[in-house]
C-alpha atoms as a PDB file:
ATOM      1  CA  MET A   1      99.247  99.662  73.355  1.00  0.00           C
ATOM      2  CA  ARG A   2      96.710  97.161  71.939  1.00  0.00           C
ATOM      3  CA  GLN A   3      99.096  94.252  72.513  1.00  0.00           C
ATOM      4  CA  GLU A   4      99.641  95.395  76.091  1.00  0.00           C
ATOM      5  CA  ILE A   5      95.884  95.522  76.715  1.00  0.00           C
ATOM      6  CA  GLY A   6      95.519  92.037  75.242  1.00  0.00           C
ATOM      7  CA  HIS A   7      98.247  90.749  77.547  1.00  0.00           C
ATOM      8  CA  LYS A   8      96.533  92.313  80.566  1.00  0.00           C
ATOM      9  CA  ARG A   9      93.220  90.718  79.557  1.00  0.00           C
ATOM     10  CA  GLU A  10      94.957  87.337  79.319  1.00  0.00           C
ATOM     11  CA  ARG A  11      96.586  87.782  82.746  1.00  0.00           C
ATOM     12  CA  LEU A  12      93.244  88.619  84.324  1.00  0.00           C
ATOM     13  CA  GLY A  13      91.577  85.737  82.504  1.00  0.00           C
ATOM     14  CA  ALA A  14      94.182  83.365  83.933  1.00  0.00           C
ATOM     15  CA  HIS A  15      93.204  84.406  87.475  1.00  0.00           C
ATOM     16  CA  VAL A  16      89.497  85.125  87.149  1.00  0.00           C
ATOM     17  CA  PRO A  17      87.383  82.277  85.750  1.00  0.00           C
ATOM     18  CA  GLY A  18      84.967  83.624  83.150  1.00  0.00           C
ATOM     19  CA  PHE A  19      86.785  86.940  82.659  1.00  0.00           C
ATOM     20  CA  LEU A  20      85.941  87.973  79.097  1.00  0.00           C
ATOM     21  CA  GLY A  21      87.457  91.441  78.903  1.00  0.00           C
ATOM     22  CA  TYR A  22      85.721  94.770  78.603  1.00  0.00           C
ATOM     23  CA  SER A  23      84.318  94.577  75.094  1.00  0.00           C
ATOM     24  CA  ALA A  24      81.190  96.444  74.045  1.00  0.00           C
ATOM     25  CA  ILE A  25      79.115  93.275  74.209  1.00  0.00           C
ATOM     26  CA  HIS A  26      79.859  91.957  77.666  1.00  0.00           C
ATOM     27  CA  TYR A  27      81.771  94.486  79.754  1.00  0.00           C
ATOM     28  CA  LEU A  28      79.103  94.685  82.477  1.00  0.00           C
ATOM     29  CA  GLU A  29      79.153  90.891  82.738  1.00  0.00           C
ATOM     30  CA  THR A  30      82.942  91.059  82.978  1.00  0.00           C
ATOM     31  CA  ASP A  31      82.645  93.594  85.785  1.00  0.00           C
ATOM     32  CA  ARG A  32      80.183  91.335  87.606  1.00  0.00           C
ATOM     33  CA  VAL A  33      82.475  88.294  87.192  1.00  0.00           C
ATOM     34  CA  LEU A  34      85.443  90.252  88.531  1.00  0.00           C
ATOM     35  CA  ARG A  35      83.479  91.563  91.514  1.00  0.00           C
ATOM     36  CA  ARG A  36      82.228  88.055  92.354  1.00  0.00           C
ATOM     37  CA  HIS A  37      85.778  86.694  92.157  1.00  0.00           C
ATOM     38  CA  LEU A  38      87.166  89.465  94.365  1.00  0.00           C
ATOM     39  CA  CYS A  39      84.332  88.885  96.849  1.00  0.00           C
ATOM     40  CA  ALA A  40      85.129  85.159  96.977  1.00  0.00           C
ATOM     41  CA  LEU A  41      88.805  85.934  97.618  1.00  0.00           C
ATOM     42  CA  LEU A  42      87.872  88.457 100.310  1.00  0.00           C
ATOM     43  CA  ARG A  43      85.491  85.935 101.882  1.00  0.00           C
ATOM     44  CA  ASP A  44      88.329  83.391 102.051  1.00  0.00           C
ATOM     45  CA  VAL A  45      90.578  85.960 103.725  1.00  0.00           C
ATOM     46  CA  ARG A  46      87.803  86.954 106.116  1.00  0.00           C
ATOM     47  CA  ASP A  47      87.107  83.310 106.989  1.00  0.00           C
ATOM     48  CA  ARG A  48      90.791  82.700 107.703  1.00  0.00           C
ATOM     49  CA  LEU A  49      90.960  85.789 109.910  1.00  0.00           C
ATOM     50  CA  ALA A  50      87.778  84.673 111.692  1.00  0.00           C
ATOM     51  CA  GLY A  51      89.502  81.335 112.358  1.00  0.00           C
ATOM     52  CA  VAL A  52      92.530  83.114 113.796  1.00  0.00           C
ATOM     53  CA  LEU A  53      90.245  85.252 115.944  1.00  0.00           C
ATOM     54  CA  SER A  54      88.345  82.226 117.239  1.00  0.00           C
ATOM     55  CA  ASP A  55      91.646  80.619 118.263  1.00  0.00           C
ATOM     56  CA  TRP A  56      92.870  83.822 119.943  1.00  0.00           C
ATOM     57  CA  PRO A  57      92.551  83.829 123.723  1.00  0.00           C
ATOM     58  CA  ALA A  58      89.146  85.247 124.688  1.00  0.00           C
ATOM     59  CA  ALA A  59      90.639  87.354 127.463  1.00  0.00           C
ATOM     60  CA  ALA A  60      93.446  88.816 125.320  1.00  0.00           C
ATOM     61  CA  ALA A  61      93.519  92.604 125.362  1.00  0.00           C
ATOM     62  CA  ASP A  62      94.459  92.740 121.679  1.00  0.00           C
ATOM     63  CA  ARG A  63      91.515  90.619 120.491  1.00  0.00           C
ATOM     64  CA  PRO A  64      89.420  93.714 119.573  1.00  0.00           C
ATOM     65  CA  LEU A  65      92.104  94.710 117.046  1.00  0.00           C
ATOM     66  CA  LEU A  66      91.529  91.491 115.122  1.00  0.00           C
ATOM     67  CA  ALA A  67      87.749  91.867 115.419  1.00  0.00           C
ATOM     68  CA  ARG A  68      87.975  95.383 113.979  1.00  0.00           C
ATOM     69  CA  ALA A  69      90.062  94.104 111.045  1.00  0.00           C
ATOM     70  CA  LEU A  70      87.449  91.390 110.485  1.00  0.00           C
ATOM     71  CA  ARG A  71      84.649  93.997 110.355  1.00  0.00           C
ATOM     72  CA  ALA A  72      86.689  96.139 107.949  1.00  0.00           C
ATOM     73  CA  LEU A  73      87.136  93.134 105.647  1.00  0.00           C
ATOM     74  CA  ALA A  74      83.398  92.482 105.713  1.00  0.00           C
ATOM     75  CA  ALA A  75      82.689  96.135 104.859  1.00  0.00           C
ATOM     76  CA  LEU A  76      85.137  96.034 101.952  1.00  0.00           C
ATOM     77  CA  GLN A  77      83.543  92.840 100.667  1.00  0.00           C
ATOM     78  CA  ARG A  78      80.083  94.456 100.778  1.00  0.00           C
ATOM     79  CA  ASN A  79      81.422  97.479  98.901  1.00  0.00           C
ATOM     80  CA  VAL A  80      82.966  95.317  96.181  1.00  0.00           C
ATOM     81  CA  SER A  81      79.817  93.234  95.778  1.00  0.00           C
ATOM     82  CA  ALA A  82      77.656  96.313  95.131  1.00  0.00           C
ATOM     83  CA  ALA A  83      76.829  96.827  91.469  1.00  0.00           C
ATOM     84  CA  ALA A  84      79.347  99.104  89.779  1.00  0.00           C
ATOM     85  CA  GLY A  85      77.927  99.631  86.302  1.00  0.00           C
ATOM     86  CA  SER A  86      74.590 100.388  84.739  1.00  0.00           C
ATOM     87  CA  PRO A  87      73.141  99.362  81.383  1.00  0.00           C
ATOM     88  CA  ALA A  88      73.469 102.980  80.191  1.00  0.00           C
ATOM     89  CA  ALA A  89      77.220 102.938  80.740  1.00  0.00           C
ATOM     90  CA  GLY A  90      79.458 102.648  77.749  1.00  0.00           C
ATOM     91  CA  PRO A  91      82.295 100.149  77.518  1.00  0.00           C
ATOM     92  CA  PRO A  92      85.770 101.327  78.486  1.00  0.00           C
ATOM     93  CA  ARG A  93      88.015 101.935  75.489  1.00  0.00           C
ATOM     94  CA  GLY A  94      91.680 102.674  74.918  1.00  0.00           C
ATOM     95  CA  ALA A  95      93.356 104.295  77.900  1.00  0.00           C
ATOM     96  CA  ASP A  96      90.237 103.863  80.056  1.00  0.00           C
ATOM     97  CA  GLU A  97      90.187 100.138  79.404  1.00  0.00           C
ATOM     98  CA  GLU A  98      93.872  99.871  80.163  1.00  0.00           C
ATOM     99  CA  ARG A  99      93.471 101.806  83.438  1.00  0.00           C
ATOM    100  CA  LEU A 100      90.585  99.536  84.400  1.00  0.00           C
ATOM    101  CA  LEU A 101      92.615  96.411  83.614  1.00  0.00           C
ATOM    102  CA  ASP A 102      95.566  97.817  85.592  1.00  0.00           C
ATOM    103  CA  LEU A 103      93.346  98.490  88.603  1.00  0.00           C
ATOM    104  CA  ASP A 104      91.844  95.003  88.345  1.00  0.00           C
ATOM    105  CA  LEU A 105      95.297  93.390  88.313  1.00  0.00           C
ATOM    106  CA  VAL A 106      96.482  95.437  91.290  1.00  0.00           C
ATOM    107  CA  LEU A 107      93.284  94.623  93.201  1.00  0.00           C
ATOM    108  CA  LEU A 108      93.848  90.902  92.655  1.00  0.00           C
ATOM    109  CA  ASP A 109      97.454  91.191  93.846  1.00  0.00           C
ATOM    110  CA  LYS A 110      96.499  93.194  96.938  1.00  0.00           C
ATOM    111  CA  VAL A 111      93.721  90.785  97.925  1.00  0.00           C
ATOM    112  CA  ALA A 112      96.105  87.853  97.517  1.00  0.00           C
ATOM    113  CA  GLY A 113      98.615  89.746  99.644  1.00  0.00           C
ATOM    114  CA  LEU A 114      96.140  89.839 102.531  1.00  0.00           C
ATOM    115  CA  GLN A 115      96.821  86.136 103.069  1.00  0.00           C
ATOM    116  CA  THR A 116     100.397  86.835 104.215  1.00  0.00           C
ATOM    117  CA  PRO A 117      99.698  88.670 107.494  1.00  0.00           C
ATOM    118  CA  ILE A 118      96.890  86.231 108.326  1.00  0.00           C
ATOM    119  CA  GLU A 119      99.203  83.266 107.804  1.00  0.00           C
ATOM    120  CA  ALA A 120     101.788  84.984 110.009  1.00  0.00           C
ATOM    121  CA  LEU A 121      99.162  85.620 112.696  1.00  0.00           C
ATOM    122  CA  SER A 122      98.059  82.010 112.527  1.00  0.00           C
ATOM    123  CA  ALA A 123     101.639  80.796 112.855  1.00  0.00           C
ATOM    124  CA  GLY A 124     102.295  83.121 115.790  1.00  0.00           C
ATOM    125  CA  VAL A 125     104.930  85.079 113.857  1.00  0.00           C
ATOM    126  CA  LEU A 126     103.012  88.346 114.284  1.00  0.00           C
ATOM    127  CA  THR A 127     101.286  89.775 117.308  1.00  0.00           C
ATOM    128  CA  ALA A 128      97.636  90.758 116.990  1.00  0.00           C
ATOM    129  CA  GLN A 129      98.675  94.398 116.914  1.00  0.00           C
ATOM    130  CA  GLU A 130     101.180  93.831 114.089  1.00  0.00           C
ATOM    131  CA  GLY A 131      98.835  91.621 112.093  1.00  0.00           C
ATOM    132  CA  ALA A 132      95.843  93.913 112.517  1.00  0.00           C
ATOM    133  CA  ALA A 133      97.956  96.904 111.456  1.00  0.00           C
ATOM    134  CA  LEU A 134      99.048  95.114 108.275  1.00  0.00           C
ATOM    135  CA  VAL A 135      95.505  94.000 107.481  1.00  0.00           C
ATOM    136  CA  ASP A 136      94.155  97.505 108.152  1.00  0.00           C
ATOM    137  CA  GLU A 137      96.789  99.043 105.875  1.00  0.00           C
ATOM    138  CA  ALA A 138      95.971  96.580 103.089  1.00  0.00           C
ATOM    139  CA  ILE A 139      92.252  97.272 103.467  1.00  0.00           C
ATOM    140  CA  ARG A 140      92.876 101.037 103.212  1.00  0.00           C
ATOM    141  CA  GLU A 141      94.879 100.457 100.030  1.00  0.00           C
ATOM    142  CA  LEU A 142      92.205  98.168  98.602  1.00  0.00           C
ATOM    143  CA  SER A 143      89.456 100.643  99.463  1.00  0.00           C
ATOM    144  CA  GLY A 144      91.371 103.420  97.726  1.00  0.00           C
ATOM    145  CA  LEU A 145      91.947 101.297  94.639  1.00  0.00           C
ATOM    146  CA  TRP A 146      88.301 100.239  94.577  1.00  0.00           C
ATOM    147  CA  GLY A 147      87.281 103.886  94.884  1.00  0.00           C
ATOM    148  CA  ARG A 148      89.498 104.813  91.930  1.00  0.00           C
ATOM    149  CA  ARG A 149      87.975 101.967  89.923  1.00  0.00           C
ATOM    150  CA  THR A 150      84.454 103.090  90.834  1.00  0.00           C
ATOM    151  CA  LEU A 151      85.267 106.667  89.803  1.00  0.00           C
ATOM    152  CA  LEU A 152      86.691 105.449  86.512  1.00  0.00           C
ATOM    153  CA  LEU A 153      83.504 103.525  85.765  1.00  0.00           C
ATOM    154  CA  ALA A 154      81.389 106.516  86.844  1.00  0.00           C
ATOM    155  CA  GLY A 155      83.415 108.702  84.491  1.00  0.00           C
ATOM    156  CA  LEU A 156      82.672 106.292  81.683  1.00  0.00           C
ATOM    157  CA  GLU A 157      78.962 106.390  82.522  1.00  0.00           C
ATOM    158  CA  SER A 158      78.913 110.177  82.494  1.00  0.00           C
ATOM    159  CA  GLY A 159      81.060 110.439  79.375  1.00  0.00           C
ATOM    160  CA  GLY A 160      84.288 111.477  81.139  1.00  0.00           C
ATOM    161  CA  THR A 161      87.554 109.766  80.336  1.00  0.00           C
ATOM    162  CA  ASP A 162      89.797 110.006  83.354  1.00  0.00           C
ATOM    163  CA  ALA A 163      87.690 110.518  86.468  1.00  0.00           C
ATOM    164  CA  GLY A 164      89.644 109.661  89.583  1.00  0.00           C
ATOM    165  CA  THR A 165      92.411 107.840  87.822  1.00  0.00           C
ATOM    166  CA  GLY A 166      95.424 109.770  88.999  1.00  0.00           C
ATOM    167  CA  ASP A 167      98.711 108.471  87.735  1.00  0.00           C
ATOM    168  CA  SER A 168     100.273 107.798  91.141  1.00  0.00           C
ATOM    169  CA  GLN A 169     100.152 104.356  92.732  1.00  0.00           C
END
């Protein structure tokens, strides 16, 4: 399992500049670096969707769908930017660290996947209704994953080991 955790740390480090891993010395800094990176990715997605929305016909009946998706992205970004750990929290170890790394990797993949429906909207391949539905679904998934991650960290802070980390994905 140790080798697998090391590989996951390397994969995250390849995508997140400054990602140091969740060692006892700097795990809160690692959490902060990851949250900042996710927020930057979400901001890029939100900016692209805002560009699509600004190009959408002002009188279009489906414009509010895109505006709602834009607000949901902003809310998710605010949630991710909020501090997740406290100095009293202990570093994740063993299975907890691996679950945290797994959630981080999935979060990165899901945020990157948000670009696809926005590109399709921009290219006119999707209607506003289709694009907004895909973005909304991705945001629900991301919110759920972020909630699981938050519960895992809260479990670590309170001494629990598997708070909110159900095995299904």
